[in-house]
Protein backbone atom coordinates (compact mmCIF):
# COMPACT_ATOMS: atom_id res chain seq x y z
CA MET A 1 10.25 22.93 41.88
CA ILE A 2 8.18 20.30 43.68
CA GLY A 3 5.37 22.81 44.10
CA GLY A 4 5.43 23.64 40.40
CA LEU A 5 5.30 19.97 39.49
CA THR A 6 2.36 19.44 41.85
CA LYS A 7 0.61 22.43 40.31
CA HIS A 8 0.98 21.12 36.78
CA THR A 9 -0.10 17.65 37.91
CA ASN A 10 -3.26 19.16 39.37
CA ILE A 11 -3.87 21.13 36.16
CA LEU A 12 -3.50 17.94 34.12
CA ASP A 13 -5.87 16.12 36.47
CA TYR A 14 -8.42 18.91 36.12
CA SER A 15 -8.03 18.80 32.31
CA LEU A 16 -8.77 15.06 32.27
CA ALA A 17 -11.82 15.60 34.45
CA SER A 18 -12.99 18.40 32.15
CA LEU A 19 -12.61 16.18 29.10
CA TRP A 20 -14.60 13.43 30.82
CA ARG A 21 -17.46 15.80 31.66
CA ARG A 22 -17.82 16.56 27.94
CA ARG A 23 -16.85 13.08 26.82
CA MET A 24 -19.46 12.65 24.08
CA LYS A 25 -18.36 15.82 22.33
CA ASN A 26 -14.67 14.99 22.73
CA ILE A 27 -15.10 11.40 21.56
CA SER A 28 -16.86 12.55 18.40
CA VAL A 29 -14.06 15.07 17.72
CA LEU A 30 -11.47 12.37 18.43
CA VAL A 31 -13.07 9.91 16.00
CA VAL A 32 -13.37 12.42 13.15
CA PHE A 33 -9.90 13.84 13.77
CA SER A 34 -8.35 10.36 13.86
CA GLY A 35 -10.09 9.48 10.61
CA VAL A 36 -8.73 12.53 8.78
CA ILE A 37 -5.19 11.93 10.04
CA PHE A 38 -5.53 8.26 9.11
CA LEU A 39 -6.30 9.18 5.50
CA VAL A 40 -3.39 11.60 5.16
CA ALA A 41 -0.90 9.31 6.92
CA SER A 42 -1.98 6.29 4.85
CA PHE A 43 -1.12 8.08 1.63
CA GLN A 44 2.24 9.21 2.95
CA MET A 45 3.16 5.71 4.17
CA LEU A 46 1.90 4.01 1.02
CA THR A 47 3.85 6.34 -1.25
CA GLN A 48 7.05 5.86 0.74
CA ALA A 49 6.63 2.08 0.87
CA LEU A 50 5.95 1.81 -2.87
CA THR A 51 8.95 4.00 -3.69
CA GLU A 52 11.26 1.90 -1.52
CA THR A 53 9.84 -1.35 -2.93
CA ALA A 54 10.39 -0.13 -6.49
CA ALA A 55 13.97 0.89 -5.66
CA LEU A 56 14.62 -2.52 -4.15
CA ALA A 57 13.14 -4.29 -7.16
CA LEU A 58 15.27 -2.28 -9.58
CA ARG A 59 18.46 -3.58 -8.02
CA SER A 60 18.40 -6.58 -10.35
CA ALA A 61 17.54 -4.49 -13.42
CA PRO A 62 20.22 -3.88 -16.07
CA GLU A 63 22.38 -0.82 -15.51
CA ILE A 64 21.44 0.61 -18.94
CA THR A 65 18.50 -0.06 -21.25
CA ILE A 66 18.57 0.95 -24.93
CA GLN A 67 15.32 1.58 -26.80
CA LYS A 68 14.70 2.68 -30.39
CA ILE A 69 12.46 5.73 -30.81
CA SER A 70 10.64 6.63 -34.02
CA ALA A 71 8.11 9.49 -34.26
CA GLY A 72 8.11 9.70 -30.50
CA ARG A 73 7.14 6.03 -30.02
CA GLN A 74 9.18 2.97 -29.10
CA VAL A 75 9.86 0.55 -31.95
CA ALA A 76 11.99 -2.58 -32.31
CA VAL A 77 15.73 -2.04 -32.01
CA PRO A 78 18.24 -3.78 -34.34
CA VAL A 79 20.32 -6.44 -32.57
CA GLU A 80 23.29 -5.37 -34.71
CA TYR A 81 23.65 -2.34 -32.44
CA THR A 82 25.61 -4.65 -30.13
CA GLU A 83 28.46 -4.68 -32.67
CA LYS A 84 28.62 -0.88 -32.76
CA LEU A 85 28.82 -0.75 -28.97
CA SER A 86 31.69 -3.23 -28.75
CA VAL A 87 34.15 -0.32 -29.01
CA ILE A 88 33.01 1.12 -25.66
CA PHE A 89 35.27 -0.01 -22.84
CA GLY A 90 33.50 -1.03 -19.63
CA ILE A 91 30.50 -2.87 -21.09
CA LYS A 92 30.36 -6.40 -19.70
CA ASP A 93 27.57 -7.74 -21.90
CA ILE A 94 24.61 -6.65 -24.06
CA VAL A 95 21.56 -8.90 -23.97
CA PRO A 96 18.54 -8.42 -26.29
CA ARG A 97 15.10 -8.69 -24.74
CA ILE A 98 11.60 -9.15 -26.15
CA TRP A 99 8.59 -7.89 -24.22
CA GLY A 100 5.12 -6.54 -24.80
CA TYR A 101 1.53 -6.52 -23.59
CA TYR A 102 -1.12 -9.10 -24.37
CA PHE A 103 -4.79 -8.23 -23.84
CA ASP A 104 -7.00 -11.02 -22.51
CA GLU A 105 -10.44 -10.20 -23.90
CA VAL A 106 -12.22 -12.68 -21.61
CA GLN A 107 -10.75 -11.34 -18.37
CA GLY A 108 -10.35 -7.76 -19.62
CA ALA A 109 -6.76 -7.75 -18.34
CA ASN A 110 -3.35 -7.08 -19.80
CA TYR A 111 -0.52 -9.57 -19.38
CA THR A 112 3.08 -8.47 -19.55
CA VAL A 113 4.87 -11.01 -21.76
CA MET A 114 8.66 -11.09 -21.57
CA GLY A 115 11.14 -13.20 -23.51
CA ILE A 116 14.64 -13.57 -22.08
CA ASP A 117 17.82 -15.50 -22.78
CA ALA A 118 18.72 -16.66 -19.26
CA ARG A 119 22.02 -18.14 -20.42
CA ARG A 120 23.36 -14.68 -21.31
CA MET A 121 22.07 -12.81 -18.26
CA PRO A 122 24.63 -12.23 -15.46
CA LEU A 123 22.26 -13.69 -12.85
CA GLY A 124 20.45 -16.05 -15.17
CA ASP A 125 21.37 -19.10 -13.09
CA LYS A 126 19.71 -17.49 -10.04
CA LEU A 127 16.31 -16.88 -11.63
CA HIS A 128 14.91 -20.11 -10.20
CA LEU A 129 15.18 -18.53 -6.74
CA THR A 130 12.29 -16.23 -7.66
CA LEU A 131 9.92 -19.17 -8.16
CA GLN A 132 7.48 -20.51 -5.62
CA GLU A 133 7.22 -23.76 -7.56
CA GLY A 134 8.48 -25.28 -10.82
CA THR A 135 11.43 -24.31 -12.99
CA MET A 136 12.34 -21.54 -15.42
CA PRO A 137 11.78 -22.21 -19.15
CA ASP A 138 14.60 -24.10 -20.82
CA SER A 139 16.16 -21.89 -23.51
CA GLY A 140 16.60 -24.92 -25.75
CA THR A 141 13.00 -26.09 -25.41
CA GLY A 142 10.09 -24.08 -26.77
CA GLY A 143 6.50 -23.86 -25.55
CA GLN A 144 7.27 -23.26 -21.86
CA ALA A 145 6.41 -20.29 -19.65
CA VAL A 146 6.56 -19.10 -16.06
CA VAL A 147 3.65 -16.96 -14.84
CA GLY A 148 2.68 -14.68 -11.99
CA ARG A 149 0.19 -15.76 -9.37
CA SER A 150 -2.77 -13.83 -10.81
CA VAL A 151 -2.17 -15.31 -14.26
CA LYS A 152 -2.01 -18.74 -12.61
CA LYS A 153 -5.40 -18.14 -10.94
CA ILE A 154 -6.94 -17.17 -14.28
CA LEU A 155 -5.63 -20.38 -15.84
CA GLU A 156 -7.04 -22.43 -12.98
CA GLN A 157 -10.45 -20.80 -13.49
CA LYS A 158 -10.29 -21.90 -17.11
CA GLY A 159 -9.39 -25.41 -15.94
CA GLY A 160 -6.03 -26.03 -17.57
CA ARG A 161 -2.25 -25.66 -17.32
CA LEU A 162 -1.78 -24.55 -20.91
CA LEU A 163 -1.52 -20.82 -21.60
CA SER A 164 -2.95 -20.10 -25.04
CA LEU A 165 -2.13 -16.78 -26.69
CA PHE A 166 -2.90 -15.48 -30.17
CA ARG A 167 -0.23 -14.28 -32.55
CA PRO A 168 -0.85 -11.15 -34.66
CA ASP A 169 -2.16 -13.36 -37.51
CA LEU A 170 -4.65 -14.91 -35.01
CA SER A 171 -2.91 -18.28 -35.03
CA LEU A 172 -2.74 -19.89 -31.59
CA ALA A 173 0.45 -20.36 -29.59
CA SER A 174 0.23 -22.64 -26.52
CA PHE A 175 2.67 -22.72 -23.63
CA GLU A 176 3.05 -25.19 -20.79
CA VAL A 177 3.24 -23.46 -17.41
CA THR A 178 6.40 -24.79 -15.77
CA GLY A 179 6.57 -22.46 -12.77
CA VAL A 180 4.92 -19.74 -10.67
CA PHE A 181 6.65 -16.73 -9.13
CA LYS A 182 6.83 -16.18 -5.38
CA PRO A 183 4.19 -13.98 -3.68
CA GLU A 184 6.93 -11.75 -2.22
CA ILE A 185 7.59 -10.27 -5.67
CA ASP A 186 3.95 -9.93 -6.77
CA ILE A 187 4.43 -6.21 -7.34
CA LEU A 188 6.72 -7.13 -10.28
CA THR A 189 5.42 -10.50 -11.45
CA ASP A 190 1.69 -10.73 -10.73
CA ASP A 191 0.69 -10.12 -14.37
CA LEU A 192 3.97 -11.37 -15.86
CA VAL A 193 4.49 -14.23 -18.35
CA VAL A 194 8.15 -15.16 -18.89
CA MET A 195 9.23 -17.39 -21.76
CA SER A 196 12.29 -17.96 -23.91
CA ILE A 197 13.27 -15.11 -26.21
CA ASP A 198 12.59 -17.25 -29.30
CA ASP A 199 9.03 -18.02 -28.17
CA ALA A 200 8.38 -14.35 -27.44
CA ARG A 201 9.78 -13.34 -30.82
CA ASP A 202 7.45 -15.85 -32.47
CA LEU A 203 4.45 -14.72 -30.41
CA PHE A 204 4.85 -11.05 -31.34
CA SER A 205 6.15 -11.76 -34.88
CA ILE A 206 9.38 -9.86 -34.31
CA PRO A 207 12.22 -10.63 -36.80
CA VAL A 208 15.30 -12.50 -35.61
CA ASN A 209 17.54 -9.47 -36.10
CA MET A 210 15.29 -7.20 -33.98
CA ALA A 211 14.49 -6.90 -30.27
CA THR A 212 12.24 -4.77 -28.07
CA ASP A 213 15.24 -3.33 -26.24
CA LEU A 214 18.86 -4.07 -25.35
CA CYS A 215 19.98 -4.61 -21.76
CA VAL A 216 23.51 -3.34 -21.13
CA TYR A 217 25.42 -4.69 -18.13
CA VAL A 218 28.35 -2.58 -16.92
CA ALA A 219 31.39 -3.85 -15.03
CA ASN A 220 32.01 -0.68 -12.99
CA GLN A 221 28.91 0.94 -11.47
CA SER A 222 30.60 4.33 -11.20
CA GLU A 223 30.94 4.49 -15.00
CA VAL A 224 27.27 3.94 -15.83
CA THR A 225 26.55 7.59 -16.60
CA THR A 226 29.67 7.96 -18.75
CA ILE A 227 28.94 4.81 -20.74
CA ALA A 228 25.29 5.86 -21.20
CA LYS A 229 26.47 9.17 -22.74
CA LYS A 230 28.81 7.32 -25.10
CA ILE A 231 25.99 4.99 -26.19
CA ALA A 232 23.67 7.94 -26.86
CA ALA A 233 26.40 9.56 -29.00
CA LEU A 234 27.04 6.37 -30.99
CA LEU A 235 23.36 5.53 -31.51
CA PRO A 236 21.37 8.65 -32.41
CA GLY A 237 17.64 8.10 -32.42
CA THR A 238 17.74 5.81 -29.39
CA ARG A 239 16.61 6.35 -25.84
CA VAL A 240 19.26 5.37 -23.30
CA LEU A 241 17.86 4.80 -19.82
CA THR A 242 19.94 4.18 -16.73
CA ARG A 243 18.67 2.32 -13.71
CA SER A 244 18.79 5.49 -11.60
CA GLN A 245 16.64 7.33 -14.17
CA ILE A 246 14.01 4.59 -14.07
CA SER A 247 14.03 4.75 -10.26
CA LYS A 248 13.48 8.51 -10.37
CA THR A 249 10.58 7.98 -12.79
CA TYR A 250 8.89 5.69 -10.27
CA GLN A 251 9.38 8.30 -7.57
CA VAL A 252 7.84 11.00 -9.77
CA VAL A 253 4.86 8.81 -10.72
CA PHE A 254 4.11 7.80 -7.14
CA GLY A 255 4.83 11.34 -5.98
CA TRP A 256 2.38 13.17 -8.23
CA ARG A 257 -0.39 10.63 -7.65
CA SER A 258 0.12 10.80 -3.92
CA GLY A 259 0.47 14.57 -4.04
CA PHE A 260 -2.83 15.00 -5.86
CA ALA A 261 -4.65 12.79 -3.37
CA SER A 262 -2.86 14.38 -0.41
CA VAL A 263 -3.97 17.84 -1.52
CA CYS A 264 -7.58 16.62 -1.49
CA LEU A 265 -7.12 15.09 1.96
CA LEU A 266 -5.34 18.18 3.29
CA ALA A 267 -8.33 20.18 2.13
CA ALA A 268 -10.51 17.90 4.27
CA LEU A 269 -8.08 18.36 7.17
CA SER A 270 -8.17 22.14 6.73
CA ALA A 271 -11.96 22.07 6.71
CA PHE A 272 -11.92 20.13 9.98
CA VAL A 273 -9.50 22.61 11.58
CA ILE A 274 -11.67 25.54 10.43
CA LEU A 275 -14.73 23.82 11.90
CA ALA A 276 -12.84 23.22 15.16
CA TRP A 277 -11.78 26.87 15.24
CA ASP A 278 -15.33 28.03 14.64
CA LYS A 279 -16.67 25.82 17.41
CA ALA A 280 -13.92 26.70 19.85
CA SER A 281 -14.07 30.45 19.19
CA GLY A 282 -17.71 30.44 20.17
CA LEU A 283 -17.30 29.05 23.69
CA SER A 284 -20.52 27.81 25.19
CA PRO A 285 -22.06 29.73 28.15
CA GLU A 286 -21.12 26.79 30.39
CA GLU A 287 -17.46 27.00 29.35
CA LYS A 288 -17.40 30.79 29.81
CA ARG A 289 -18.97 30.41 33.25
CA GLU A 290 -16.39 27.78 34.16
CA ILE A 291 -13.53 30.10 33.18
CA SER A 292 -15.04 32.98 35.17
CA ILE A 293 -15.49 30.82 38.28
CA LEU A 294 -11.92 29.60 38.03
CA LYS A 295 -10.67 33.19 37.90
CA ILE A 296 -12.80 34.11 40.94
CA LEU A 297 -11.27 31.15 42.78
CA GLY A 298 -7.83 32.59 42.15
CA TRP A 299 -6.74 30.84 38.98
CA GLU A 300 -4.44 32.89 36.80
CA THR A 301 -4.90 33.34 33.06
CA SER A 302 -1.83 31.15 32.44
CA ASP A 303 -3.40 28.34 34.48
CA ILE A 304 -6.59 28.47 32.42
CA LEU A 305 -4.58 28.47 29.21
CA ALA A 306 -2.63 25.46 30.51
CA VAL A 307 -5.92 23.61 31.09
CA ARG A 308 -7.15 24.38 27.61
CA PHE A 309 -3.74 23.46 26.16
CA TRP A 310 -3.78 20.07 27.84
CA GLU A 311 -7.35 19.44 26.73
CA GLY A 312 -6.50 20.25 23.12
CA PHE A 313 -3.19 18.40 23.22
CA LEU A 314 -4.71 15.25 24.70
CA VAL A 315 -7.47 15.14 22.09
CA SER A 316 -5.28 16.06 19.09
CA GLY A 317 -2.29 14.03 20.29
CA LEU A 318 -4.41 10.93 20.83
CA ALA A 319 -6.04 11.47 17.43
CA PHE A 320 -2.56 11.79 15.86
CA VAL A 321 -1.33 8.55 17.47
CA ASN A 322 -4.55 6.70 16.59
CA GLY A 323 -4.55 7.95 13.00
CA CYS A 324 -0.88 7.08 12.36
CA THR A 325 -1.24 3.67 14.03
CA LEU A 326 -4.32 2.83 11.97
CA ALA A 327 -2.52 4.04 8.84
CA TYR A 328 0.42 1.72 9.54
CA ILE A 329 -1.93 -1.24 10.08
CA HIS A 330 -3.85 -0.32 6.92
CA VAL A 331 -0.71 -0.27 4.77
CA ALA A 332 1.26 -3.12 6.38
CA PHE A 333 -1.49 -5.66 7.05
CA PHE A 334 -4.35 -4.73 4.70
CA GLU A 335 -2.21 -3.76 1.66
CA ALA A 336 -3.61 -0.19 1.63
CA THR A 337 -6.93 -1.48 0.29
CA LEU A 338 -8.62 1.93 0.27
CA PHE A 339 -6.02 3.76 -1.79
CA ARG A 340 -4.07 1.09 -3.67
CA PRO A 341 -5.90 1.57 -7.02
CA VAL A 342 -4.99 5.28 -6.99
CA LEU A 343 -1.25 4.63 -6.77
CA VAL A 344 -0.80 1.18 -8.34
CA GLY A 345 -2.44 1.99 -11.67
CA TRP A 346 -5.17 1.10 -14.10
CA SER A 347 -4.57 -2.61 -14.66
CA VAL A 348 -7.36 -5.06 -13.93
CA ILE A 349 -4.76 -7.36 -12.36
CA HIS A 350 -3.68 -5.73 -9.12
CA PRO A 351 -0.76 -7.43 -7.35
CA SER A 352 -0.76 -8.34 -3.69
CA LEU A 353 1.46 -5.83 -1.94
CA HIS A 354 3.71 -6.90 0.90
CA LEU A 355 4.69 -3.43 2.07
CA VAL A 356 6.54 -2.41 5.21
CA PRO A 357 5.99 1.32 5.86
CA SER A 358 9.05 3.25 6.96
CA PHE A 359 8.99 5.68 9.85
CA ILE A 360 10.20 8.82 8.09
CA VAL A 361 10.38 11.49 10.78
CA SER A 362 9.86 14.38 8.36
CA ASN A 363 6.55 12.92 7.14
CA PHE A 364 5.21 12.59 10.68
CA ILE A 365 6.38 16.09 11.57
CA LEU A 366 4.55 17.44 8.51
CA ILE A 367 1.33 15.65 9.47
CA PHE A 368 1.73 16.82 13.07
CA CYS A 369 2.16 20.46 12.02
CA PHE A 370 -0.87 20.35 9.71
CA SER A 371 -3.13 18.67 12.26
CA VAL A 372 -2.18 19.03 15.93
CA LEU A 373 -0.78 22.58 15.94
CA PRO A 374 -3.81 24.23 14.24
CA TYR A 375 -6.15 22.38 16.60
CA LEU A 376 -4.16 23.58 19.63
CA ALA A 377 -4.39 27.13 18.34
CA ALA A 378 -8.13 26.68 17.82
CA THR A 379 -8.59 25.71 21.47
CA VAL A 380 -6.08 27.92 23.30
CA ILE A 381 -6.67 31.29 21.58
CA PRO A 382 -10.44 31.49 22.28
CA ALA A 383 -9.77 30.48 25.89
CA TRP A 384 -7.17 33.24 26.18
CA ARG A 385 -9.72 35.78 24.96
CA SER A 386 -12.29 34.64 27.53
CA ALA A 387 -9.73 34.44 30.33
CA SER A 388 -8.58 37.99 29.62
CA VAL A 389 -12.05 39.35 30.45
CA PRO A 390 -12.57 40.23 34.16
CA ALA A 391 -14.45 37.48 35.96
CA ASP A 392 -17.15 39.72 37.43
CA SER A 393 -18.00 41.28 34.08
CA ALA A 394 -18.11 37.87 32.41
CA LEU A 395 -20.51 36.54 35.05
CA SER A 396 -22.71 39.62 34.94
CA GLY A 397 -22.99 39.30 31.13
CA MET A 398 -24.44 35.79 31.37
């Protein structure tokens, strides 16, 4: 056993020396290989982190959201629907909500404007905990708003604390900024403007008896699906969305965007593996001579394959570790700068992402199988072919 361990130690030492002799070639392969793995791993980590962040953010969302659909498009929903739903046991409260998008022509960006009635929300008294500074708008006082950090920066560039927005009739509505959301929740609030529901209704010219949607809060979480089915039966023509359905939608959106980009990157990885196979299958005369000399010196074919295996494993393994490490740093500390626009969306206002990538073993195994294993095959198989040829015939052919 000790002799076998010494033998493998010597083989590993010889492999390291062989890699050093061809260090320029191996370093170039290592750099390119690490770069390709970095791209693939970054997308996997970014997708996973965004999905988990979205799931965490949806914890505070209402259990059920009711929207009115007409001709396949969302329209205002009558507030009187709350009376029809009062017969359903298990509903704790139904809160109307006003929200919409406001296009800033100067900045070329869309704001998400939301009007809420904090007094009726189950966690309305906790909303101030989401603020970095200031206070939430007072429901009894109009003309106040809380904004995300990017909206705050735009206002500072304009040199004022008043947020001026146009109503549909082009009359101007001004709001005093009373607070700014924390940077930790930028992914939700960066382009957000929150005001009282009456101010939002006035801004969008929505009648008092109408709302954008209805937020349904349920007492027992296990009855959400049952209550959602009862609501859909009572209110035909509405779209009833549960929190779990919205979470799945986020997963699908991030998944297909990441999948499309990953296919492109896997194509690049496949091209690299094919190139490595082509280069390795055509061993240089020096490498063939080295194999023949080793066989003359008494090395067995298995020993030569072990050398080539360790060479390939050291290069590909180090490239795998480097690529995944750089991908983690890219996502965790640089907010996935290279790929964030692909997954975050089209908005001009891009939030600052505070993402913590998760170490999902299956993702790393997938990357390992698509990168390291093909490279090992591309290095070991050509060496096996050369080592199978008798040493004297190989030397005489050169």
